[in-house]
Amino acid sequence: MLYVGDCIEIMRSLPESFVDMVFADPPYNLSNGGITCHAGQRVSVNKGDWDRSQGFEDDVLFQEEWIRECRRVLKPTGTIWISGTNHSIYQCGY
């Protein structure tokens, strides 16, 4: 089944031990006005407000909140895969 919406709100609506696997690709918090090089062109890295850092403490709280919900809805034998970059993966691991 595929759900579309705010991940935390959707997971809160699910019962405990409901899913076998979670694949998560949380925001990388790169939308800060920066640029990168793509195909020889300078391009913006801004993806939208959803990818903008809210500050270190709030970013960590967000990571803790969605991971806590993932653990709640995972079956005891379930697994979680988290995709990330050096910009965000350490907050997830913390």
PDB file of N, CA and C in Angstrom:
ATOM      1  N   MET A   1       0.851  -1.164   0.000  1.00  0.00           N
ATOM      2  CA  MET A   1       0.000   0.000   0.000  1.00  0.00           C
ATOM      3  C   MET A   1       0.903   1.235   0.000  1.00  0.00           C
ATOM      4  N   LEU A   2       0.476   2.280  -0.680  1.00  0.00           N
ATOM      5  CA  LEU A   2       1.225   3.518  -0.750  1.00  0.00           C
ATOM      6  C   LEU A   2       0.396   4.635  -0.139  1.00  0.00           C
ATOM      7  N   TYR A   3       0.992   5.356   0.794  1.00  0.00           N
ATOM      8  CA  TYR A   3       0.336   6.487   1.437  1.00  0.00           C
ATOM      9  C   TYR A   3       1.036   7.765   0.978  1.00  0.00           C
ATOM     10  N   VAL A   4       0.270   8.804   0.731  1.00  0.00           N
ATOM     11  CA  VAL A   4       0.829  10.086   0.328  1.00  0.00           C
ATOM     12  C   VAL A   4       0.401  11.133   1.339  1.00  0.00           C
ATOM     13  N   GLY A   5       1.367  11.844   1.917  1.00  0.00           N
ATOM     14  CA  GLY A   5       1.063  12.877   2.898  1.00  0.00           C
ATOM     15  C   GLY A   5       2.204  13.054   3.860  1.00  0.00           C
ATOM     16  N   ASP A   6       1.929  13.728   4.959  1.00  0.00           N
ATOM     17  CA  ASP A   6       2.924  13.947   5.997  1.00  0.00           C
ATOM     18  C   ASP A   6       3.236  12.602   6.655  1.00  0.00           C
ATOM     19  N   CYS A   7       4.497  12.181   6.586  1.00  0.00           N
ATOM     20  CA  CYS A   7       4.862  10.843   7.054  1.00  0.00           C
ATOM     21  C   CYS A   7       4.534  10.627   8.527  1.00  0.00           C
ATOM     22  N   ILE A   8       4.755  11.631   9.344  1.00  0.00           N
ATOM     23  CA  ILE A   8       4.509  11.459  10.776  1.00  0.00           C
ATOM     24  C   ILE A   8       3.012  11.318  11.047  1.00  0.00           C
ATOM     25  N   GLU A   9       2.204  12.145  10.410  1.00  0.00           N
ATOM     26  CA  GLU A   9       0.752  12.043  10.590  1.00  0.00           C
ATOM     27  C   GLU A   9       0.230  10.693  10.117  1.00  0.00           C
ATOM     28  N   ILE A  10       0.720  10.229   8.979  1.00  0.00           N
ATOM     29  CA  ILE A  10       0.267   8.940   8.460  1.00  0.00           C
ATOM     30  C   ILE A  10       0.678   7.808   9.393  1.00  0.00           C
ATOM     31  N   MET A  11       1.934   7.814   9.844  1.00  0.00           N
ATOM     32  CA  MET A  11       2.371   6.741  10.742  1.00  0.00           C
ATOM     33  C   MET A  11       1.597   6.755  12.050  1.00  0.00           C
ATOM     34  N   ARG A  12       1.245   7.929  12.545  1.00  0.00           N
ATOM     35  CA  ARG A  12       0.465   7.999  13.783  1.00  0.00           C
ATOM     36  C   ARG A  12      -0.912   7.367  13.630  1.00  0.00           C
ATOM     37  N   SER A  13      -1.401   7.310  12.399  1.00  0.00           N
ATOM     38  CA  SER A  13      -2.715   6.711  12.161  1.00  0.00           C
ATOM     39  C   SER A  13      -2.633   5.192  12.025  1.00  0.00           C
ATOM     40  N   LEU A  14      -1.425   4.639  11.977  1.00  0.00           N
ATOM     41  CA  LEU A  14      -1.239   3.202  11.813  1.00  0.00           C
ATOM     42  C   LEU A  14      -1.096   2.527  13.174  1.00  0.00           C
ATOM     43  N   PRO A  15      -1.507   1.274  13.258  1.00  0.00           N
ATOM     44  CA  PRO A  15      -1.323   0.543  14.526  1.00  0.00           C
ATOM     45  C   PRO A  15       0.138   0.166  14.741  1.00  0.00           C
ATOM     46  N   GLU A  16       0.474  -0.184  15.967  1.00  0.00           N
ATOM     47  CA  GLU A  16       1.819  -0.652  16.283  1.00  0.00           C
ATOM     48  C   GLU A  16       2.093  -1.957  15.551  1.00  0.00           C
ATOM     49  N   SER A  17       3.373  -2.194  15.262  1.00  0.00           N
ATOM     50  CA  SER A  17       3.824  -3.444  14.627  1.00  0.00           C
ATOM     51  C   SER A  17       3.030  -3.747  13.361  1.00  0.00           C
ATOM     52  N   PHE A  18       2.905  -2.772  12.497  1.00  0.00           N
ATOM     53  CA  PHE A  18       2.049  -2.871  11.321  1.00  0.00           C
ATOM     54  C   PHE A  18       2.803  -3.172  10.034  1.00  0.00           C
ATOM     55  N   VAL A  19       4.064  -2.768   9.932  1.00  0.00           N
ATOM     56  CA  VAL A  19       4.792  -2.915   8.674  1.00  0.00           C
ATOM     57  C   VAL A  19       6.055  -3.752   8.855  1.00  0.00           C
ATOM     58  N   ASP A  20       6.462  -4.389   7.754  1.00  0.00           N
ATOM     59  CA  ASP A  20       7.665  -5.209   7.758  1.00  0.00           C
ATOM     60  C   ASP A  20       8.921  -4.401   7.476  1.00  0.00           C
ATOM     61  N   MET A  21       8.772  -3.320   6.690  1.00  0.00           N
ATOM     62  CA  MET A  21       9.943  -2.557   6.295  1.00  0.00           C
ATOM     63  C   MET A  21       9.584  -1.098   6.085  1.00  0.00           C
ATOM     64  N   VAL A  22      10.528  -0.230   6.441  1.00  0.00           N
ATOM     65  CA  VAL A  22      10.415   1.199   6.150  1.00  0.00           C
ATOM     66  C   VAL A  22      11.644   1.585   5.346  1.00  0.00           C
ATOM     67  N   PHE A  23      11.413   2.235   4.201  1.00  0.00           N
ATOM     68  CA  PHE A  23      12.502   2.858   3.449  1.00  0.00           C
ATOM     69  C   PHE A  23      12.278   4.351   3.563  1.00  0.00           C
ATOM     70  N   ALA A  24      13.217   5.057   4.157  1.00  0.00           N
ATOM     71  CA  ALA A  24      13.053   6.490   4.401  1.00  0.00           C
ATOM     72  C   ALA A  24      14.121   7.285   3.661  1.00  0.00           C
ATOM     73  N   ASP A  25      13.699   8.393   3.093  1.00  0.00           N
ATOM     74  CA  ASP A  25      14.599   9.326   2.420  1.00  0.00           C
ATOM     75  C   ASP A  25      14.272  10.718   2.964  1.00  0.00           C
ATOM     76  N   PRO A  26      14.673  10.973   4.224  1.00  0.00           N
ATOM     77  CA  PRO A  26      14.280  12.228   4.868  1.00  0.00           C
ATOM     78  C   PRO A  26      14.949  13.437   4.218  1.00  0.00           C
ATOM     79  N   PRO A  27      14.438  14.624   4.487  1.00  0.00           N
ATOM     80  CA  PRO A  27      15.047  15.838   3.924  1.00  0.00           C
ATOM     81  C   PRO A  27      16.531  15.923   4.273  1.00  0.00           C
ATOM     82  N   TYR A  28      17.325  16.426   3.318  1.00  0.00           N
ATOM     83  CA  TYR A  28      18.751  16.598   3.529  1.00  0.00           C
ATOM     84  C   TYR A  28      19.069  17.994   4.071  1.00  0.00           C
ATOM     85  N   ASN A  29      18.075  18.844   4.152  1.00  0.00           N
ATOM     86  CA  ASN A  29      18.225  20.209   4.669  1.00  0.00           C
ATOM     87  C   ASN A  29      19.276  21.003   3.894  1.00  0.00           C
ATOM     88  N   LEU A  30      19.223  20.894   2.571  1.00  0.00           N
ATOM     89  CA  LEU A  30      20.179  21.588   1.714  1.00  0.00           C
ATOM     90  C   LEU A  30      19.617  22.871   1.108  1.00  0.00           C
ATOM     91  N   SER A  31      18.336  23.110   1.233  1.00  0.00           N
ATOM     92  CA  SER A  31      17.701  24.269   0.593  1.00  0.00           C
ATOM     93  C   SER A  31      17.974  25.536   1.401  1.00  0.00           C
ATOM     94  N   ASN A  32      19.208  26.000   1.273  1.00  0.00           N
ATOM     95  CA  ASN A  32      19.647  27.161   2.045  1.00  0.00           C
ATOM     96  C   ASN A  32      20.214  28.252   1.140  1.00  0.00           C
ATOM     97  N   GLY A  33      19.788  28.255  -0.118  1.00  0.00           N
ATOM     98  CA  GLY A  33      20.277  29.266  -1.051  1.00  0.00           C
ATOM     99  C   GLY A  33      21.575  28.889  -1.741  1.00  0.00           C
ATOM    100  N   GLY A  34      22.051  27.664  -1.519  1.00  0.00           N
ATOM    101  CA  GLY A  34      23.320  27.239  -2.101  1.00  0.00           C
ATOM    102  C   GLY A  34      23.201  26.845  -3.564  1.00  0.00           C
ATOM    103  N   ILE A  35      24.340  26.599  -4.157  1.00  0.00           N
ATOM    104  CA  ILE A  35      24.400  26.175  -5.549  1.00  0.00           C
ATOM    105  C   ILE A  35      25.323  24.977  -5.677  1.00  0.00           C
ATOM    106  N   THR A  36      25.210  24.288  -6.803  1.00  0.00           N
ATOM    107  CA  THR A  36      26.099  23.181  -7.129  1.00  0.00           C
ATOM    108  C   THR A  36      26.354  23.222  -8.628  1.00  0.00           C
ATOM    109  N   CYS A  37      27.182  22.332  -9.097  1.00  0.00           N
ATOM    110  CA  CYS A  37      27.464  22.232 -10.525  1.00  0.00           C
ATOM    111  C   CYS A  37      26.812  20.962 -11.047  1.00  0.00           C
ATOM    112  N   HIS A  38      25.999  21.096 -12.093  1.00  0.00           N
ATOM    113  CA  HIS A  38      25.348  19.951 -12.721  1.00  0.00           C
ATOM    114  C   HIS A  38      25.487  20.108 -14.234  1.00  0.00           C
ATOM    115  N   ALA A  39      26.123  19.137 -14.877  1.00  0.00           N
ATOM    116  CA  ALA A  39      26.335  19.160 -16.324  1.00  0.00           C
ATOM    117  C   ALA A  39      27.027  20.456 -16.769  1.00  0.00           C
ATOM    118  N   GLY A  40      27.974  20.917 -15.969  1.00  0.00           N
ATOM    119  CA  GLY A  40      28.738  22.103 -16.313  1.00  0.00           C
ATOM    120  C   GLY A  40      28.033  23.419 -16.066  1.00  0.00           C
ATOM    121  N   GLN A  41      26.860  23.380 -15.424  1.00  0.00           N
ATOM    122  CA  GLN A  41      26.077  24.588 -15.158  1.00  0.00           C
ATOM    123  C   GLN A  41      25.928  24.794 -13.659  1.00  0.00           C
ATOM    124  N   ARG A  42      25.919  26.049 -13.242  1.00  0.00           N
ATOM    125  CA  ARG A  42      25.610  26.369 -11.840  1.00  0.00           C
ATOM    126  C   ARG A  42      24.111  26.267 -11.657  1.00  0.00           C
ATOM    127  N   VAL A  43      23.688  25.458 -10.698  1.00  0.00           N
ATOM    128  CA  VAL A  43      22.261  25.276 -10.442  1.00  0.00           C
ATOM    129  C   VAL A  43      21.987  25.389  -8.944  1.00  0.00           C
ATOM    130  N   SER A  44      20.794  25.809  -8.624  1.00  0.00           N
ATOM    131  CA  SER A  44      20.362  25.933  -7.239  1.00  0.00           C
ATOM    132  C   SER A  44      20.153  24.552  -6.631  1.00  0.00           C
ATOM    133  N   VAL A  45      20.457  24.420  -5.350  1.00  0.00           N
ATOM    134  CA  VAL A  45      20.172  23.175  -4.638  1.00  0.00           C
ATOM    135  C   VAL A  45      18.847  23.261  -3.876  1.00  0.00           C
ATOM    136  N   ASN A  46      18.156  24.369  -3.995  1.00  0.00           N
ATOM    137  CA  ASN A  46      16.893  24.549  -3.276  1.00  0.00           C
ATOM    138  C   ASN A  46      15.815  23.638  -3.834  1.00  0.00           C
ATOM    139  N   LYS A  47      15.215  22.841  -2.974  1.00  0.00           N
ATOM    140  CA  LYS A  47      14.137  21.932  -3.347  1.00  0.00           C
ATOM    141  C   LYS A  47      12.783  22.449  -2.874  1.00  0.00           C
ATOM    142  N   GLY A  48      12.785  23.278  -1.849  1.00  0.00           N
ATOM    143  CA  GLY A  48      11.548  23.814  -1.301  1.00  0.00           C
ATOM    144  C   GLY A  48      11.642  23.980   0.200  1.00  0.00           C
ATOM    145  N   ASP A  49      10.603  24.540   0.778  1.00  0.00           N
ATOM    146  CA  ASP A  49      10.580  24.774   2.227  1.00  0.00           C
ATOM    147  C   ASP A  49      10.739  23.485   3.023  1.00  0.00           C
ATOM    148  N   TRP A  50      10.224  22.377   2.503  1.00  0.00           N
ATOM    149  CA  TRP A  50      10.299  21.099   3.215  1.00  0.00           C
ATOM    150  C   TRP A  50      11.746  20.647   3.417  1.00  0.00           C
ATOM    151  N   ASP A  51      12.686  21.187   2.622  1.00  0.00           N
ATOM    152  CA  ASP A  51      14.086  20.781   2.693  1.00  0.00           C
ATOM    153  C   ASP A  51      14.970  21.845   3.336  1.00  0.00           C
ATOM    154  N   ARG A  52      14.371  22.840   3.941  1.00  0.00           N
ATOM    155  CA  ARG A  52      15.124  23.927   4.574  1.00  0.00           C
ATOM    156  C   ARG A  52      15.373  23.570   6.042  1.00  0.00           C
ATOM    157  N   SER A  53      16.610  23.754   6.474  1.00  0.00           N
ATOM    158  CA  SER A  53      16.953  23.495   7.868  1.00  0.00           C
ATOM    159  C   SER A  53      16.164  24.422   8.786  1.00  0.00           C
ATOM    160  N   GLN A  54      15.708  23.865   9.888  1.00  0.00           N
ATOM    161  CA  GLN A  54      15.019  24.637  10.915  1.00  0.00           C
ATOM    162  C   GLN A  54      15.952  24.968  12.077  1.00  0.00           C
ATOM    163  N   GLY A  55      17.243  24.716  11.869  1.00  0.00           N
ATOM    164  CA  GLY A  55      18.237  24.881  12.930  1.00  0.00           C
ATOM    165  C   GLY A  55      18.592  23.511  13.482  1.00  0.00           C
ATOM    166  N   PHE A  56      19.790  23.373  13.968  1.00  0.00           N
ATOM    167  CA  PHE A  56      20.295  22.061  14.374  1.00  0.00           C
ATOM    168  C   PHE A  56      19.370  21.347  15.354  1.00  0.00           C
ATOM    169  N   GLU A  57      18.974  22.016  16.419  1.00  0.00           N
ATOM    170  CA  GLU A  57      18.159  21.368  17.449  1.00  0.00           C
ATOM    171  C   GLU A  57      16.818  20.898  16.900  1.00  0.00           C
ATOM    172  N   ASP A  58      16.143  21.752  16.125  1.00  0.00           N
ATOM    173  CA  ASP A  58      14.844  21.378  15.560  1.00  0.00           C
ATOM    174  C   ASP A  58      14.995  20.283  14.508  1.00  0.00           C
ATOM    175  N   ASP A  59      16.076  20.318  13.751  1.00  0.00           N
ATOM    176  CA  ASP A  59      16.321  19.254  12.772  1.00  0.00           C
ATOM    177  C   ASP A  59      16.490  17.915  13.473  1.00  0.00           C
ATOM    178  N   VAL A  60      17.243  17.889  14.572  1.00  0.00           N
ATOM    179  CA  VAL A  60      17.436  16.649  15.335  1.00  0.00           C
ATOM    180  C   VAL A  60      16.104  16.178  15.913  1.00  0.00           C
ATOM    181  N   LEU A  61      15.305  17.083  16.445  1.00  0.00           N
ATOM    182  CA  LEU A  61      13.997  16.699  16.980  1.00  0.00           C
ATOM    183  C   LEU A  61      13.113  16.080  15.910  1.00  0.00           C
ATOM    184  N   PHE A  62      13.135  16.660  14.701  1.00  0.00           N
ATOM    185  CA  PHE A  62      12.359  16.082  13.597  1.00  0.00           C
ATOM    186  C   PHE A  62      12.830  14.670  13.295  1.00  0.00           C
ATOM    187  N   GLN A  63      14.161  14.467  13.207  1.00  0.00           N
ATOM    188  CA  GLN A  63      14.698  13.129  12.923  1.00  0.00           C
ATOM    189  C   GLN A  63      14.259  12.142  14.002  1.00  0.00           C
ATOM    190  N   GLU A  64      14.366  12.551  15.252  1.00  0.00           N
ATOM    191  CA  GLU A  64      13.965  11.665  16.355  1.00  0.00           C
ATOM    192  C   GLU A  64      12.482  11.313  16.274  1.00  0.00           C
ATOM    193  N   GLU A  65      11.656  12.294  15.912  1.00  0.00           N
ATOM    194  CA  GLU A  65      10.209  12.072  15.880  1.00  0.00           C
ATOM    195  C   GLU A  65       9.809  11.065  14.807  1.00  0.00           C
ATOM    196  N   TRP A  66      10.304  11.252  13.579  1.00  0.00           N
ATOM    197  CA  TRP A  66       9.866  10.313  12.546  1.00  0.00           C
ATOM    198  C   TRP A  66      10.477   8.933  12.748  1.00  0.00           C
ATOM    199  N   ILE A  67      11.716   8.854  13.262  1.00  0.00           N
ATOM    200  CA  ILE A  67      12.316   7.544  13.518  1.00  0.00           C
ATOM    201  C   ILE A  67      11.577   6.826  14.643  1.00  0.00           C
ATOM    202  N   ARG A  68      11.156   7.557  15.674  1.00  0.00           N
ATOM    203  CA  ARG A  68      10.371   6.964  16.759  1.00  0.00           C
ATOM    204  C   ARG A  68       9.073   6.356  16.209  1.00  0.00           C
ATOM    205  N   GLU A  69       8.407   7.069  15.310  1.00  0.00           N
ATOM    206  CA  GLU A  69       7.175   6.548  14.717  1.00  0.00           C
ATOM    207  C   GLU A  69       7.457   5.330  13.843  1.00  0.00           C
ATOM    208  N   CYS A  70       8.577   5.348  13.122  1.00  0.00           N
ATOM    209  CA  CYS A  70       8.946   4.179  12.325  1.00  0.00           C
ATOM    210  C   CYS A  70       9.119   2.960  13.214  1.00  0.00           C
ATOM    211  N   ARG A  71       9.807   3.130  14.309  1.00  0.00           N
ATOM    212  CA  ARG A  71      10.031   2.009  15.234  1.00  0.00           C
ATOM    213  C   ARG A  71       8.718   1.501  15.807  1.00  0.00           C
ATOM    214  N   ARG A  72       7.802   2.422  16.059  1.00  0.00           N
ATOM    215  CA  ARG A  72       6.506   2.035  16.626  1.00  0.00           C
ATOM    216  C   ARG A  72       5.700   1.185  15.649  1.00  0.00           C
ATOM    217  N   VAL A  73       5.712   1.553  14.372  1.00  0.00           N
ATOM    218  CA  VAL A  73       4.887   0.827  13.398  1.00  0.00           C
ATOM    219  C   VAL A  73       5.585  -0.405  12.831  1.00  0.00           C
ATOM    220  N   LEU A  74       6.905  -0.530  13.046  1.00  0.00           N
ATOM    221  CA  LEU A  74       7.623  -1.707  12.558  1.00  0.00           C
ATOM    222  C   LEU A  74       7.299  -2.942  13.393  1.00  0.00           C
ATOM    223  N   LYS A  75       7.168  -4.059  12.722  1.00  0.00           N
ATOM    224  CA  LYS A  75       7.038  -5.333  13.421  1.00  0.00           C
ATOM    225  C   LYS A  75       8.356  -5.636  14.130  1.00  0.00           C
ATOM    226  N   PRO A  76       8.338  -6.467  15.163  1.00  0.00           N
ATOM    227  CA  PRO A  76       9.582  -6.778  15.887  1.00  0.00           C
ATOM    228  C   PRO A  76      10.696  -7.309  14.983  1.00  0.00           C
ATOM    229  N   THR A  77      10.339  -7.975  13.907  1.00  0.00           N
ATOM    230  CA  THR A  77      11.337  -8.502  12.974  1.00  0.00           C
ATOM    231  C   THR A  77      11.534  -7.572  11.775  1.00  0.00           C
ATOM    232  N   GLY A  78      10.980  -6.365  11.839  1.00  0.00           N
ATOM    233  CA  GLY A  78      11.057  -5.423  10.725  1.00  0.00           C
ATOM    234  C   GLY A  78      12.424  -4.775  10.595  1.00  0.00           C
ATOM    235  N   THR A  79      12.590  -4.064   9.506  1.00  0.00           N
ATOM    236  CA  THR A  79      13.844  -3.368   9.240  1.00  0.00           C
ATOM    237  C   THR A  79      13.556  -1.969   8.715  1.00  0.00           C
ATOM    238  N   ILE A  80      14.499  -1.073   8.928  1.00  0.00           N
ATOM    239  CA  ILE A  80      14.386   0.276   8.402  1.00  0.00           C
ATOM    240  C   ILE A  80      15.656   0.594   7.619  1.00  0.00           C
ATOM    241  N   TRP A  81      15.474   1.135   6.440  1.00  0.00           N
ATOM    242  CA  TRP A  81      16.580   1.610   5.617  1.00  0.00           C
ATOM    243  C   TRP A  81      16.431   3.105   5.507  1.00  0.00           C
ATOM    244  N   ILE A  82      17.500   3.830   5.799  1.00  0.00           N
ATOM    245  CA  ILE A  82      17.461   5.289   5.749  1.00  0.00           C
ATOM    246  C   ILE A  82      18.499   5.774   4.741  1.00  0.00           C
ATOM    247  N   SER A  83      18.026   6.525   3.764  1.00  0.00           N
ATOM    248  CA  SER A  83      18.893   7.132   2.758  1.00  0.00           C
ATOM    249  C   SER A  83      19.305   8.510   3.252  1.00  0.00           C
ATOM    250  N   GLY A  84      20.539   8.890   2.995  1.00  0.00           N
ATOM    251  CA  GLY A  84      20.959  10.211   3.446  1.00  0.00           C
ATOM    252  C   GLY A  84      22.275  10.636   2.830  1.00  0.00           C
ATOM    253  N   THR A  85      22.674  11.837   3.158  1.00  0.00           N
ATOM    254  CA  THR A  85      23.963  12.378   2.756  1.00  0.00           C
ATOM    255  C   THR A  85      24.702  12.778   4.028  1.00  0.00           C
ATOM    256  N   ASN A  86      25.919  13.224   3.869  1.00  0.00           N
ATOM    257  CA  ASN A  86      26.681  13.686   5.033  1.00  0.00           C
ATOM    258  C   ASN A  86      26.001  14.867   5.716  1.00  0.00           C
ATOM    259  N   HIS A  87      25.065  15.509   5.041  1.00  0.00           N
ATOM    260  CA  HIS A  87      24.373  16.656   5.616  1.00  0.00           C
ATOM    261  C   HIS A  87      23.328  16.250   6.654  1.00  0.00           C
ATOM    262  N   SER A  88      22.847  15.006   6.596  1.00  0.00           N
ATOM    263  CA  SER A  88      21.736  14.648   7.482  1.00  0.00           C
ATOM    264  C   SER A  88      21.860  13.284   8.151  1.00  0.00           C
ATOM    265  N   ILE A  89      22.637  12.386   7.587  1.00  0.00           N
ATOM    266  CA  ILE A  89      22.614  11.011   8.065  1.00  0.00           C
ATOM    267  C   ILE A  89      23.136  10.878   9.501  1.00  0.00           C
ATOM    268  N   TYR A  90      24.024  11.765   9.914  1.00  0.00           N
ATOM    269  CA  TYR A  90      24.550  11.665  11.279  1.00  0.00           C
ATOM    270  C   TYR A  90      23.507  12.053  12.307  1.00  0.00           C
ATOM    271  N   GLN A  91      22.598  12.970  11.940  1.00  0.00           N
ATOM    272  CA  GLN A  91      21.489  13.289  12.836  1.00  0.00           C
ATOM    273  C   GLN A  91      20.587  12.067  12.987  1.00  0.00           C
ATOM    274  N   CYS A  92      20.371  11.334  11.909  1.00  0.00           N
ATOM    275  CA  CYS A  92      19.561  10.117  11.986  1.00  0.00           C
ATOM    276  C   CYS A  92      20.232   9.082  12.877  1.00  0.00           C
ATOM    277  N   GLY A  93      21.528   8.918  12.701  1.00  0.00           N
ATOM    278  CA  GLY A  93      22.263   7.933  13.491  1.00  0.00           C
ATOM    279  C   GLY A  93      22.345   8.284  14.969  1.00  0.00           C
ATOM    280  N   TYR A  94      22.357   9.589  15.251  1.00  0.00           N
ATOM    281  CA  TYR A  94      22.433  10.025  16.632  1.00  0.00           C
ATOM    282  C   TYR A  94      21.213   9.578  17.397  1.00  0.00           C
TER     283      TYR A  94
END
